Amino acid sequence: MKFTGEVHRIIVRDRFQNDNLKCSDITGVVYGLRVLRAHGMSDDCIQVVCRSIVIAKLKNASQAWSGFCTASGINKLDRFLARCKRLNYCSQTTAGVIEQLESADQSLFQTVLHMHNHID
């Protein structure tokens, strides 16, 4: 499948950290998922792609950058996630941005608490 390389390039180059998320980045991701659907990829597979790339980028090192994100940045990410849900690119049960960021923070905190070789 030749088109997957192009779509992967479009999606992977986008950045989801802080307020650096631009409208062109969002358009690129939605375009990439639309191309996959147009080439016959099932909704389940598109949702896996969305979860693997979009949600993973959102959560990538979120513990480090989420504290610097403004309310408008969080709102922009939430609107993007809602758009993905509306277009069925993302599962309807996918948690919101705030919930995902809090979950990542809690996971890191629990990992640090339960590390036996952690320096006191």
PDB file of N, CA and C in Angstrom:
ATOM      1  N   MET A   1       0.827  -1.175   0.000  1.00  0.00           N
ATOM      2  CA  MET A   1       0.000   0.000   0.000  1.00  0.00           C
ATOM      3  C   MET A   1       0.875   1.243   0.000  1.00  0.00           C
ATOM      4  N   LYS A   2       0.916   1.894  -1.098  1.00  0.00           N
ATOM      5  CA  LYS A   2       1.774   3.052  -1.277  1.00  0.00           C
ATOM      6  C   LYS A   2       1.309   4.270  -0.492  1.00  0.00           C
ATOM      7  N   PHE A   3      -0.011   4.414  -0.346  1.00  0.00           N
ATOM      8  CA  PHE A   3      -0.551   5.617   0.296  1.00  0.00           C
ATOM      9  C   PHE A   3      -0.227   5.690   1.777  1.00  0.00           C
ATOM     10  N   THR A   4       0.025   4.569   2.446  1.00  0.00           N
ATOM     11  CA  THR A   4       0.277   4.617   3.886  1.00  0.00           C
ATOM     12  C   THR A   4       1.555   5.365   4.223  1.00  0.00           C
ATOM     13  N   GLY A   5       2.557   5.303   3.370  1.00  0.00           N
ATOM     14  CA  GLY A   5       3.784   6.058   3.622  1.00  0.00           C
ATOM     15  C   GLY A   5       3.521   7.545   3.629  1.00  0.00           C
ATOM     16  N   GLU A   6       2.710   8.008   2.673  1.00  0.00           N
ATOM     17  CA  GLU A   6       2.353   9.424   2.594  1.00  0.00           C
ATOM     18  C   GLU A   6       1.540   9.851   3.815  1.00  0.00           C
ATOM     19  N   VAL A   7       0.549   9.048   4.180  1.00  0.00           N
ATOM     20  CA  VAL A   7      -0.292   9.378   5.328  1.00  0.00           C
ATOM     21  C   VAL A   7       0.540   9.376   6.607  1.00  0.00           C
ATOM     22  N   HIS A   8       1.403   8.386   6.744  1.00  0.00           N
ATOM     23  CA  HIS A   8       2.255   8.322   7.929  1.00  0.00           C
ATOM     24  C   HIS A   8       3.141   9.569   8.015  1.00  0.00           C
ATOM     25  N   ARG A   9       3.673  10.011   6.887  1.00  0.00           N
ATOM     26  CA  ARG A   9       4.513  11.207   6.873  1.00  0.00           C
ATOM     27  C   ARG A   9       3.704  12.431   7.296  1.00  0.00           C
ATOM     28  N   ILE A  10       2.473  12.523   6.807  1.00  0.00           N
ATOM     29  CA  ILE A  10       1.618  13.659   7.150  1.00  0.00           C
ATOM     30  C   ILE A  10       1.306  13.662   8.643  1.00  0.00           C
ATOM     31  N   ILE A  11       0.945  12.509   9.179  1.00  0.00           N
ATOM     32  CA  ILE A  11       0.531  12.443  10.577  1.00  0.00           C
ATOM     33  C   ILE A  11       1.719  12.586  11.512  1.00  0.00           C
ATOM     34  N   VAL A  12       2.821  11.911  11.232  1.00  0.00           N
ATOM     35  CA  VAL A  12       3.948  11.894  12.163  1.00  0.00           C
ATOM     36  C   VAL A  12       4.612  13.258  12.288  1.00  0.00           C
ATOM     37  N   ARG A  13       4.600  14.077  11.255  1.00  0.00           N
ATOM     38  CA  ARG A  13       5.281  15.365  11.338  1.00  0.00           C
ATOM     39  C   ARG A  13       4.532  16.371  12.208  1.00  0.00           C
ATOM     40  N   ASP A  14       3.279  16.084  12.532  1.00  0.00           N
ATOM     41  CA  ASP A  14       2.495  17.023  13.326  1.00  0.00           C
ATOM     42  C   ASP A  14       2.926  16.992  14.786  1.00  0.00           C
ATOM     43  N   ARG A  15       2.789  18.131  15.412  1.00  0.00           N
ATOM     44  CA  ARG A  15       3.190  18.262  16.817  1.00  0.00           C
ATOM     45  C   ARG A  15       1.965  18.588  17.650  1.00  0.00           C
ATOM     46  N   PHE A  16       1.887  17.955  18.819  1.00  0.00           N
ATOM     47  CA  PHE A  16       0.747  18.164  19.694  1.00  0.00           C
ATOM     48  C   PHE A  16       1.178  18.686  21.053  1.00  0.00           C
ATOM     49  N   GLN A  17       2.303  19.317  21.131  1.00  0.00           N
ATOM     50  CA  GLN A  17       2.770  19.763  22.428  1.00  0.00           C
ATOM     51  C   GLN A  17       2.519  21.250  22.604  1.00  0.00           C
ATOM     52  N   ASN A  18       2.112  21.592  23.817  1.00  0.00           N
ATOM     53  CA  ASN A  18       1.844  22.984  24.210  1.00  0.00           C
ATOM     54  C   ASN A  18       0.912  23.667  23.230  1.00  0.00           C
ATOM     55  N   ASP A  19       1.138  24.923  22.984  1.00  0.00           N
ATOM     56  CA  ASP A  19       0.287  25.678  22.074  1.00  0.00           C
ATOM     57  C   ASP A  19       0.865  25.703  20.673  1.00  0.00           C
ATOM     58  N   ASN A  20       1.822  24.836  20.402  1.00  0.00           N
ATOM     59  CA  ASN A  20       2.420  24.778  19.080  1.00  0.00           C
ATOM     60  C   ASN A  20       1.512  24.074  18.075  1.00  0.00           C
ATOM     61  N   LEU A  21       0.378  23.599  18.541  1.00  0.00           N
ATOM     62  CA  LEU A  21      -0.565  22.922  17.659  1.00  0.00           C
ATOM     63  C   LEU A  21      -1.227  23.959  16.769  1.00  0.00           C
ATOM     64  N   LYS A  22      -0.976  23.859  15.489  1.00  0.00           N
ATOM     65  CA  LYS A  22      -1.508  24.825  14.529  1.00  0.00           C
ATOM     66  C   LYS A  22      -2.681  24.210  13.787  1.00  0.00           C
ATOM     67  N   CYS A  23      -3.494  25.067  13.202  1.00  0.00           N
ATOM     68  CA  CYS A  23      -4.641  24.582  12.424  1.00  0.00           C
ATOM     69  C   CYS A  23      -4.181  23.698  11.272  1.00  0.00           C
ATOM     70  N   SER A  24      -3.036  24.021  10.680  1.00  0.00           N
ATOM     71  CA  SER A  24      -2.538  23.210   9.568  1.00  0.00           C
ATOM     72  C   SER A  24      -2.154  21.813  10.045  1.00  0.00           C
ATOM     73  N   ASP A  25      -1.669  21.707  11.290  1.00  0.00           N
ATOM     74  CA  ASP A  25      -1.337  20.400  11.852  1.00  0.00           C
ATOM     75  C   ASP A  25      -2.598  19.553  12.001  1.00  0.00           C
ATOM     76  N   ILE A  26      -3.656  20.179  12.520  1.00  0.00           N
ATOM     77  CA  ILE A  26      -4.916  19.469  12.709  1.00  0.00           C
ATOM     78  C   ILE A  26      -5.470  19.041  11.356  1.00  0.00           C
ATOM     79  N   THR A  27      -5.428  19.933  10.401  1.00  0.00           N
ATOM     80  CA  THR A  27      -5.914  19.621   9.066  1.00  0.00           C
ATOM     81  C   THR A  27      -5.137  18.459   8.460  1.00  0.00           C
ATOM     82  N   GLY A  28      -3.828  18.429   8.680  1.00  0.00           N
ATOM     83  CA  GLY A  28      -3.004  17.348   8.166  1.00  0.00           C
ATOM     84  C   GLY A  28      -3.375  16.002   8.738  1.00  0.00           C
ATOM     85  N   VAL A  29      -3.647  15.959  10.032  1.00  0.00           N
ATOM     86  CA  VAL A  29      -4.020  14.696  10.673  1.00  0.00           C
ATOM     87  C   VAL A  29      -5.376  14.230  10.169  1.00  0.00           C
ATOM     88  N   VAL A  30      -6.338  15.132  10.142  1.00  0.00           N
ATOM     89  CA  VAL A  30      -7.676  14.766   9.671  1.00  0.00           C
ATOM     90  C   VAL A  30      -7.610  14.335   8.205  1.00  0.00           C
ATOM     91  N   TYR A  31      -6.816  15.029   7.417  1.00  0.00           N
ATOM     92  CA  TYR A  31      -6.645  14.659   6.010  1.00  0.00           C
ATOM     93  C   TYR A  31      -6.065  13.246   5.894  1.00  0.00           C
ATOM     94  N   GLY A  32      -5.052  12.964   6.686  1.00  0.00           N
ATOM     95  CA  GLY A  32      -4.437  11.639   6.642  1.00  0.00           C
ATOM     96  C   GLY A  32      -5.421  10.540   6.988  1.00  0.00           C
ATOM     97  N   LEU A  33      -6.231  10.759   8.014  1.00  0.00           N
ATOM     98  CA  LEU A  33      -7.231   9.758   8.394  1.00  0.00           C
ATOM     99  C   LEU A  33      -8.321   9.639   7.322  1.00  0.00           C
ATOM    100  N   ARG A  34      -8.674  10.756   6.692  1.00  0.00           N
ATOM    101  CA  ARG A  34      -9.667  10.735   5.614  1.00  0.00           C
ATOM    102  C   ARG A  34      -9.139   9.945   4.420  1.00  0.00           C
ATOM    103  N   VAL A  35      -7.861  10.096   4.104  1.00  0.00           N
ATOM    104  CA  VAL A  35      -7.258   9.350   2.990  1.00  0.00           C
ATOM    105  C   VAL A  35      -7.301   7.855   3.287  1.00  0.00           C
ATOM    106  N   LEU A  36      -6.996   7.490   4.512  1.00  0.00           N
ATOM    107  CA  LEU A  36      -7.064   6.071   4.879  1.00  0.00           C
ATOM    108  C   LEU A  36      -8.477   5.527   4.679  1.00  0.00           C
ATOM    109  N   ARG A  37      -9.473   6.291   5.101  1.00  0.00           N
ATOM    110  CA  ARG A  37     -10.856   5.849   4.938  1.00  0.00           C
ATOM    111  C   ARG A  37     -11.223   5.755   3.461  1.00  0.00           C
ATOM    112  N   ALA A  38     -10.789   6.725   2.662  1.00  0.00           N
ATOM    113  CA  ALA A  38     -11.099   6.731   1.231  1.00  0.00           C
ATOM    114  C   ALA A  38     -10.483   5.538   0.511  1.00  0.00           C
ATOM    115  N   HIS A  39      -9.374   5.040   1.028  1.00  0.00           N
ATOM    116  CA  HIS A  39      -8.728   3.882   0.414  1.00  0.00           C
ATOM    117  C   HIS A  39      -9.263   2.556   0.958  1.00  0.00           C
ATOM    118  N   GLY A  40     -10.344   2.637   1.738  1.00  0.00           N
ATOM    119  CA  GLY A  40     -11.030   1.422   2.146  1.00  0.00           C
ATOM    120  C   GLY A  40     -10.674   0.880   3.515  1.00  0.00           C
ATOM    121  N   MET A  41      -9.935   1.628   4.302  1.00  0.00           N
ATOM    122  CA  MET A  41      -9.604   1.137   5.638  1.00  0.00           C
ATOM    123  C   MET A  41     -10.854   1.193   6.517  1.00  0.00           C
ATOM    124  N   SER A  42     -11.083   0.139   7.292  1.00  0.00           N
ATOM    125  CA  SER A  42     -12.271   0.066   8.135  1.00  0.00           C
ATOM    126  C   SER A  42     -12.174   1.061   9.293  1.00  0.00           C
ATOM    127  N   ASP A  43     -13.334   1.378   9.879  1.00  0.00           N
ATOM    128  CA  ASP A  43     -13.367   2.320  11.003  1.00  0.00           C
ATOM    129  C   ASP A  43     -12.554   1.811  12.186  1.00  0.00           C
ATOM    130  N   ASP A  44     -12.594   0.503  12.416  1.00  0.00           N
ATOM    131  CA  ASP A  44     -11.820  -0.057  13.534  1.00  0.00           C
ATOM    132  C   ASP A  44     -10.326   0.174  13.339  1.00  0.00           C
ATOM    133  N   CYS A  45      -9.854  -0.031  12.122  1.00  0.00           N
ATOM    134  CA  CYS A  45      -8.430   0.183  11.828  1.00  0.00           C
ATOM    135  C   CYS A  45      -8.064   1.657  11.908  1.00  0.00           C
ATOM    136  N   ILE A  46      -8.945   2.528  11.439  1.00  0.00           N
ATOM    137  CA  ILE A  46      -8.694   3.966  11.522  1.00  0.00           C
ATOM    138  C   ILE A  46      -8.612   4.398  12.979  1.00  0.00           C
ATOM    139  N   GLN A  47      -9.464   3.825  13.817  1.00  0.00           N
ATOM    140  CA  GLN A  47      -9.423   4.151  15.242  1.00  0.00           C
ATOM    141  C   GLN A  47      -8.130   3.675  15.887  1.00  0.00           C
ATOM    142  N   VAL A  48      -7.608   2.548  15.430  1.00  0.00           N
ATOM    143  CA  VAL A  48      -6.310   2.071  15.932  1.00  0.00           C
ATOM    144  C   VAL A  48      -5.205   3.039  15.515  1.00  0.00           C
ATOM    145  N   VAL A  49      -5.244   3.507  14.269  1.00  0.00           N
ATOM    146  CA  VAL A  49      -4.261   4.476  13.793  1.00  0.00           C
ATOM    147  C   VAL A  49      -4.357   5.758  14.608  1.00  0.00           C
ATOM    148  N   CYS A  50      -5.564   6.220  14.827  1.00  0.00           N
ATOM    149  CA  CYS A  50      -5.774   7.441  15.606  1.00  0.00           C
ATOM    150  C   CYS A  50      -5.229   7.278  17.026  1.00  0.00           C
ATOM    151  N   ARG A  51      -5.534   6.149  17.641  1.00  0.00           N
ATOM    152  CA  ARG A  51      -5.058   5.899  19.011  1.00  0.00           C
ATOM    153  C   ARG A  51      -3.539   5.760  19.036  1.00  0.00           C
ATOM    154  N   SER A  52      -2.988   5.100  18.027  1.00  0.00           N
ATOM    155  CA  SER A  52      -1.550   4.853  17.994  1.00  0.00           C
ATOM    156  C   SER A  52      -0.734   6.099  17.715  1.00  0.00           C
ATOM    157  N   ILE A  53      -1.273   7.009  16.933  1.00  0.00           N
ATOM    158  CA  ILE A  53      -0.493   8.183  16.543  1.00  0.00           C
ATOM    159  C   ILE A  53      -0.958   9.435  17.268  1.00  0.00           C
ATOM    160  N   VAL A  54      -2.233   9.749  17.151  1.00  0.00           N
ATOM    161  CA  VAL A  54      -2.734  11.005  17.711  1.00  0.00           C
ATOM    162  C   VAL A  54      -2.719  10.980  19.238  1.00  0.00           C
ATOM    163  N   ILE A  55      -3.331   9.968  19.829  1.00  0.00           N
ATOM    164  CA  ILE A  55      -3.404   9.898  21.292  1.00  0.00           C
ATOM    165  C   ILE A  55      -2.011   9.693  21.881  1.00  0.00           C
ATOM    166  N   ALA A  56      -1.181   8.898  21.210  1.00  0.00           N
ATOM    167  CA  ALA A  56       0.191   8.698  21.704  1.00  0.00           C
ATOM    168  C   ALA A  56       0.966  10.007  21.689  1.00  0.00           C
ATOM    169  N   LYS A  57       0.798  10.825  20.637  1.00  0.00           N
ATOM    170  CA  LYS A  57       1.477  12.121  20.591  1.00  0.00           C
ATOM    171  C   LYS A  57       0.959  13.053  21.673  1.00  0.00           C
ATOM    172  N   LEU A  58      -0.322  12.981  21.932  1.00  0.00           N
ATOM    173  CA  LEU A  58      -0.910  13.814  22.970  1.00  0.00           C
ATOM    174  C   LEU A  58      -0.313  13.472  24.340  1.00  0.00           C
ATOM    175  N   LYS A  59      -0.160  12.183  24.597  1.00  0.00           N
ATOM    176  CA  LYS A  59       0.331  11.760  25.908  1.00  0.00           C
ATOM    177  C   LYS A  59       1.853  11.734  26.010  1.00  0.00           C
ATOM    178  N   ASN A  60       2.548  11.865  24.878  1.00  0.00           N
ATOM    179  CA  ASN A  60       4.002  11.788  24.876  1.00  0.00           C
ATOM    180  C   ASN A  60       4.610  12.894  25.738  1.00  0.00           C
ATOM    181  N   ALA A  61       5.264  12.517  26.800  1.00  0.00           N
ATOM    182  CA  ALA A  61       5.929  13.437  27.721  1.00  0.00           C
ATOM    183  C   ALA A  61       4.980  14.510  28.249  1.00  0.00           C
ATOM    184  N   SER A  62       3.700  14.179  28.333  1.00  0.00           N
ATOM    185  CA  SER A  62       2.716  15.167  28.767  1.00  0.00           C
ATOM    186  C   SER A  62       2.967  15.649  30.189  1.00  0.00           C
ATOM    187  N   GLN A  63       3.614  14.820  30.998  1.00  0.00           N
ATOM    188  CA  GLN A  63       3.914  15.242  32.363  1.00  0.00           C
ATOM    189  C   GLN A  63       4.833  16.449  32.364  1.00  0.00           C
ATOM    190  N   ALA A  64       5.667  16.567  31.357  1.00  0.00           N
ATOM    191  CA  ALA A  64       6.619  17.670  31.287  1.00  0.00           C
ATOM    192  C   ALA A  64       5.987  18.939  30.720  1.00  0.00           C
ATOM    193  N   TRP A  65       5.118  18.827  29.719  1.00  0.00           N
ATOM    194  CA  TRP A  65       4.622  20.020  29.047  1.00  0.00           C
ATOM    195  C   TRP A  65       3.219  20.438  29.430  1.00  0.00           C
ATOM    196  N   SER A  66       2.432  19.549  30.033  1.00  0.00           N
ATOM    197  CA  SER A  66       1.023  19.885  30.278  1.00  0.00           C
ATOM    198  C   SER A  66       0.859  21.034  31.273  1.00  0.00           C
ATOM    199  N   GLY A  67       1.775  21.185  32.189  1.00  0.00           N
ATOM    200  CA  GLY A  67       1.683  22.282  33.142  1.00  0.00           C
ATOM    201  C   GLY A  67       1.858  23.644  32.507  1.00  0.00           C
ATOM    202  N   PHE A  68       2.484  23.695  31.354  1.00  0.00           N
ATOM    203  CA  PHE A  68       2.707  24.955  30.652  1.00  0.00           C
ATOM    204  C   PHE A  68       1.623  25.257  29.627  1.00  0.00           C
ATOM    205  N   CYS A  69       0.707  24.324  29.446  1.00  0.00           N
ATOM    206  CA  CYS A  69      -0.344  24.490  28.447  1.00  0.00           C
ATOM    207  C   CYS A  69      -1.403  25.459  28.975  1.00  0.00           C
ATOM    208  N   THR A  70      -1.804  26.390  28.148  1.00  0.00           N
ATOM    209  CA  THR A  70      -2.833  27.350  28.545  1.00  0.00           C
ATOM    210  C   THR A  70      -4.215  26.736  28.363  1.00  0.00           C
ATOM    211  N   ALA A  71      -5.210  27.413  28.900  1.00  0.00           N
ATOM    212  CA  ALA A  71      -6.588  26.934  28.759  1.00  0.00           C
ATOM    213  C   ALA A  71      -6.991  26.893  27.286  1.00  0.00           C
ATOM    214  N   SER A  72      -6.530  27.870  26.509  1.00  0.00           N
ATOM    215  CA  SER A  72      -6.877  27.866  25.084  1.00  0.00           C
ATOM    216  C   SER A  72      -6.208  26.696  24.360  1.00  0.00           C
ATOM    217  N   GLY A  73      -5.009  26.326  24.779  1.00  0.00           N
ATOM    218  CA  GLY A  73      -4.331  25.173  24.188  1.00  0.00           C
ATOM    219  C   GLY A  73      -5.063  23.877  24.490  1.00  0.00           C
ATOM    220  N   ILE A  74      -5.482  23.718  25.744  1.00  0.00           N
ATOM    221  CA  ILE A  74      -6.256  22.533  26.137  1.00  0.00           C
ATOM    222  C   ILE A  74      -7.581  22.508  25.373  1.00  0.00           C
ATOM    223  N   ASN A  75      -8.214  23.664  25.255  1.00  0.00           N
ATOM    224  CA  ASN A  75      -9.487  23.761  24.532  1.00  0.00           C
ATOM    225  C   ASN A  75      -9.309  23.364  23.072  1.00  0.00           C
ATOM    226  N   LYS A  76      -8.207  23.789  22.461  1.00  0.00           N
ATOM    227  CA  LYS A  76      -7.930  23.458  21.066  1.00  0.00           C
ATOM    228  C   LYS A  76      -7.757  21.941  20.903  1.00  0.00           C
ATOM    229  N   LEU A  77      -7.031  21.335  21.834  1.00  0.00           N
ATOM    230  CA  LEU A  77      -6.843  19.881  21.778  1.00  0.00           C
ATOM    231  C   LEU A  77      -8.162  19.152  21.997  1.00  0.00           C
ATOM    232  N   ASP A  78      -8.980  19.661  22.926  1.00  0.00           N
ATOM    233  CA  ASP A  78     -10.288  19.048  23.188  1.00  0.00           C
ATOM    234  C   ASP A  78     -11.195  19.126  21.960  1.00  0.00           C
ATOM    235  N   ARG A  79     -11.195  20.265  21.277  1.00  0.00           N
ATOM    236  CA  ARG A  79     -12.009  20.410  20.070  1.00  0.00           C
ATOM    237  C   ARG A  79     -11.536  19.463  18.976  1.00  0.00           C
ATOM    238  N   PHE A  80     -10.218  19.304  18.866  1.00  0.00           N
ATOM    239  CA  PHE A  80      -9.679  18.374  17.873  1.00  0.00           C
ATOM    240  C   PHE A  80     -10.122  16.943  18.182  1.00  0.00           C
ATOM    241  N   LEU A  81     -10.052  16.568  19.467  1.00  0.00           N
ATOM    242  CA  LEU A  81     -10.462  15.225  19.868  1.00  0.00           C
ATOM    243  C   LEU A  81     -11.958  15.018  19.617  1.00  0.00           C
ATOM    244  N   ALA A  82     -12.764  16.039  19.891  1.00  0.00           N
ATOM    245  CA  ALA A  82     -14.207  15.953  19.635  1.00  0.00           C
ATOM    246  C   ALA A  82     -14.476  15.791  18.142  1.00  0.00           C
ATOM    247  N   ARG A  83     -13.689  16.472  17.322  1.00  0.00           N
ATOM    248  CA  ARG A  83     -13.843  16.344  15.864  1.00  0.00           C
ATOM    249  C   ARG A  83     -13.503  14.926  15.419  1.00  0.00           C
ATOM    250  N   CYS A  84     -12.442  14.361  15.973  1.00  0.00           N
ATOM    251  CA  CYS A  84     -12.081  12.978  15.636  1.00  0.00           C
ATOM    252  C   CYS A  84     -13.186  12.011  16.040  1.00  0.00           C
ATOM    253  N   LYS A  85     -13.800  12.248  17.197  1.00  0.00           N
ATOM    254  CA  LYS A  85     -14.915  11.397  17.631  1.00  0.00           C
ATOM    255  C   LYS A  85     -16.104  11.550  16.697  1.00  0.00           C
ATOM    256  N   ARG A  86     -16.423  12.791  16.325  1.00  0.00           N
ATOM    257  CA  ARG A  86     -17.570  13.052  15.460  1.00  0.00           C
ATOM    258  C   ARG A  86     -17.406  12.389  14.094  1.00  0.00           C
ATOM    259  N   LEU A  87     -16.182  12.382  13.570  1.00  0.00           N
ATOM    260  CA  LEU A  87     -15.908  11.775  12.276  1.00  0.00           C
ATOM    261  C   LEU A  87     -15.643  10.273  12.374  1.00  0.00           C
ATOM    262  N   ASN A  88     -15.749   9.740  13.591  1.00  0.00           N
ATOM    263  CA  ASN A  88     -15.534   8.321  13.878  1.00  0.00           C
ATOM    264  C   ASN A  88     -14.090   7.888  13.589  1.00  0.00           C
ATOM    265  N   TYR A  89     -13.154   8.806  13.703  1.00  0.00           N
ATOM    266  CA  TYR A  89     -11.738   8.474  13.594  1.00  0.00           C
ATOM    267  C   TYR A  89     -11.210   7.983  14.943  1.00  0.00           C
ATOM    268  N   CYS A  90     -11.930   8.292  15.968  1.00  0.00           N
ATOM    269  CA  CYS A  90     -11.522   8.005  17.327  1.00  0.00           C
ATOM    270  C   CYS A  90     -12.726   7.387  18.043  1.00  0.00           C
ATOM    271  N   SER A  91     -12.474   6.463  18.941  1.00  0.00           N
ATOM    272  CA  SER A  91     -13.552   5.810  19.667  1.00  0.00           C
ATOM    273  C   SER A  91     -14.351   6.829  20.482  1.00  0.00           C
ATOM    274  N   GLN A  92     -15.656   6.630  20.569  1.00  0.00           N
ATOM    275  CA  GLN A  92     -16.513   7.537  21.337  1.00  0.00           C
ATOM    276  C   GLN A  92     -16.206   7.481  22.833  1.00  0.00           C
ATOM    277  N   THR A  93     -15.571   6.400  23.269  1.00  0.00           N
ATOM    278  CA  THR A  93     -15.249   6.249  24.693  1.00  0.00           C
ATOM    279  C   THR A  93     -13.883   6.825  25.061  1.00  0.00           C
ATOM    280  N   THR A  94     -13.189   7.405  24.095  1.00  0.00           N
ATOM    281  CA  THR A  94     -11.882   8.008  24.373  1.00  0.00           C
ATOM    282  C   THR A  94     -12.057   9.148  25.361  1.00  0.00           C
ATOM    283  N   ALA A  95     -11.229   9.135  26.387  1.00  0.00           N
ATOM    284  CA  ALA A  95     -11.305  10.167  27.426  1.00  0.00           C
ATOM    285  C   ALA A  95     -10.906  11.521  26.853  1.00  0.00           C
ATOM    286  N   GLY A  96     -11.373  12.584  27.511  1.00  0.00           N
ATOM    287  CA  GLY A  96     -11.023  13.933  27.100  1.00  0.00           C
ATOM    288  C   GLY A  96      -9.556  14.230  27.380  1.00  0.00           C
ATOM    289  N   VAL A  97      -9.107  15.362  26.907  1.00  0.00           N
ATOM    290  CA  VAL A  97      -7.699  15.737  27.031  1.00  0.00           C
ATOM    291  C   VAL A  97      -7.294  15.858  28.495  1.00  0.00           C
ATOM    292  N   ILE A  98      -8.097  16.568  29.284  1.00  0.00           N
ATOM    293  CA  ILE A  98      -7.772  16.762  30.704  1.00  0.00           C
ATOM    294  C   ILE A  98      -7.660  15.409  31.405  1.00  0.00           C
ATOM    295  N   GLU A  99      -8.613  14.526  31.157  1.00  0.00           N
ATOM    296  CA  GLU A  99      -8.595  13.205  31.796  1.00  0.00           C
ATOM    297  C   GLU A  99      -7.354  12.418  31.390  1.00  0.00           C
ATOM    298  N   GLN A 100      -6.965  12.502  30.122  1.00  0.00           N
ATOM    299  CA  GLN A 100      -5.784  11.774  29.662  1.00  0.00           C
ATOM    300  C   GLN A 100      -4.505  12.334  30.278  1.00  0.00           C
ATOM    301  N   LEU A 101      -4.417  13.648  30.365  1.00  0.00           N
ATOM    302  CA  LEU A 101      -3.233  14.260  30.970  1.00  0.00           C
ATOM    303  C   LEU A 101      -3.149  13.916  32.453  1.00  0.00           C
ATOM    304  N   GLU A 102      -4.286  13.968  33.157  1.00  0.00           N
ATOM    305  CA  GLU A 102      -4.299  13.615  34.578  1.00  0.00           C
ATOM    306  C   GLU A 102      -3.960  12.142  34.779  1.00  0.00           C
ATOM    307  N   SER A 103      -4.446  11.290  33.892  1.00  0.00           N
ATOM    308  CA  SER A 103      -4.142   9.863  33.979  1.00  0.00           C
ATOM    309  C   SER A 103      -2.645   9.609  33.796  1.00  0.00           C
ATOM    310  N   ALA A 104      -2.033  10.302  32.843  1.00  0.00           N
ATOM    311  CA  ALA A 104      -0.589  10.149  32.625  1.00  0.00           C
ATOM    312  C   ALA A 104       0.196  10.642  33.833  1.00  0.00           C
ATOM    313  N   ASP A 105      -0.227  11.769  34.419  1.00  0.00           N
ATOM    314  CA  ASP A 105       0.433  12.287  35.620  1.00  0.00           C
ATOM    315  C   ASP A 105       0.322  11.290  36.772  1.00  0.00           C
ATOM    316  N   GLN A 106      -0.886  10.757  36.974  1.00  0.00           N
ATOM    317  CA  GLN A 106      -1.115   9.809  38.064  1.00  0.00           C
ATOM    318  C   GLN A 106      -0.303   8.531  37.866  1.00  0.00           C
ATOM    319  N   SER A 107      -0.221   8.079  36.630  1.00  0.00           N
ATOM    320  CA  SER A 107       0.556   6.884  36.319  1.00  0.00           C
ATOM    321  C   SER A 107       2.037   7.089  36.644  1.00  0.00           C
ATOM    322  N   LEU A 108       2.578   8.233  36.258  1.00  0.00           N
ATOM    323  CA  LEU A 108       3.970   8.538  36.572  1.00  0.00           C
ATOM    324  C   LEU A 108       4.181   8.621  38.078  1.00  0.00           C
ATOM    325  N   PHE A 109       3.274   9.279  38.783  1.00  0.00           N
ATOM    326  CA  PHE A 109       3.379   9.429  40.233  1.00  0.00           C
ATOM    327  C   PHE A 109       3.359   8.063  40.917  1.00  0.00           C
ATOM    328  N   GLN A 110       2.458   7.184  40.499  1.00  0.00           N
ATOM    329  CA  GLN A 110       2.375   5.846  41.086  1.00  0.00           C
ATOM    330  C   GLN A 110       3.634   5.025  40.791  1.00  0.00           C
ATOM    331  N   THR A 111       4.182   5.184  39.610  1.00  0.00           N
ATOM    332  CA  THR A 111       5.413   4.481  39.250  1.00  0.00           C
ATOM    333  C   THR A 111       6.563   4.919  40.146  1.00  0.00           C
ATOM    334  N   VAL A 112       6.675   6.210  40.352  1.00  0.00           N
ATOM    335  CA  VAL A 112       7.743   6.736  41.209  1.00  0.00           C
ATOM    336  C   VAL A 112       7.548   6.269  42.639  1.00  0.00           C
ATOM    337  N   LEU A 113       6.324   6.264  43.130  1.00  0.00           N
ATOM    338  CA  LEU A 113       6.059   5.831  44.505  1.00  0.00           C
ATOM    339  C   LEU A 113       6.419   4.376  44.738  1.00  0.00           C
ATOM    340  N   HIS A 114       6.205   3.544  43.739  1.00  0.00           N
ATOM    341  CA  HIS A 114       6.384   2.098  43.926  1.00  0.00           C
ATOM    342  C   HIS A 114       7.714   1.569  43.412  1.00  0.00           C
ATOM    343  N   MET A 115       8.603   2.455  42.995  1.00  0.00           N
ATOM    344  CA  MET A 115       9.924   2.010  42.555  1.00  0.00           C
ATOM    345  C   MET A 115      10.744   1.619  43.788  1.00  0.00           C
ATOM    346  N   HIS A 116      11.234   0.403  43.792  1.00  0.00           N
ATOM    347  CA  HIS A 116      12.003  -0.070  44.955  1.00  0.00           C
ATOM    348  C   HIS A 116      13.423   0.471  44.940  1.00  0.00           C
ATOM    349  N   ASN A 117      13.948   0.751  43.801  1.00  0.00           N
ATOM    350  CA  ASN A 117      15.309   1.249  43.715  1.00  0.00           C
ATOM    351  C   ASN A 117      15.375   2.770  43.597  1.00  0.00           C
ATOM    352  N   HIS A 118      14.248   3.449  43.908  1.00  0.00           N
ATOM    353  CA  HIS A 118      14.201   4.900  43.844  1.00  0.00           C
ATOM    354  C   HIS A 118      15.035   5.499  44.980  1.00  0.00           C
ATOM    355  N   ILE A 119      15.784   6.526  44.666  1.00  0.00           N
ATOM    356  CA  ILE A 119      16.631   7.177  45.673  1.00  0.00           C
ATOM    357  C   ILE A 119      15.755   8.059  46.543  1.00  0.00           C
ATOM    358  N   ASP A 120      15.882   7.917  47.836  1.00  0.00           N
ATOM    359  CA  ASP A 120      15.086   8.735  48.780  1.00  0.00           C
ATOM    360  C   ASP A 120      15.700  10.084  48.986  1.00  0.00           C
TER     361      ASP A 120
END
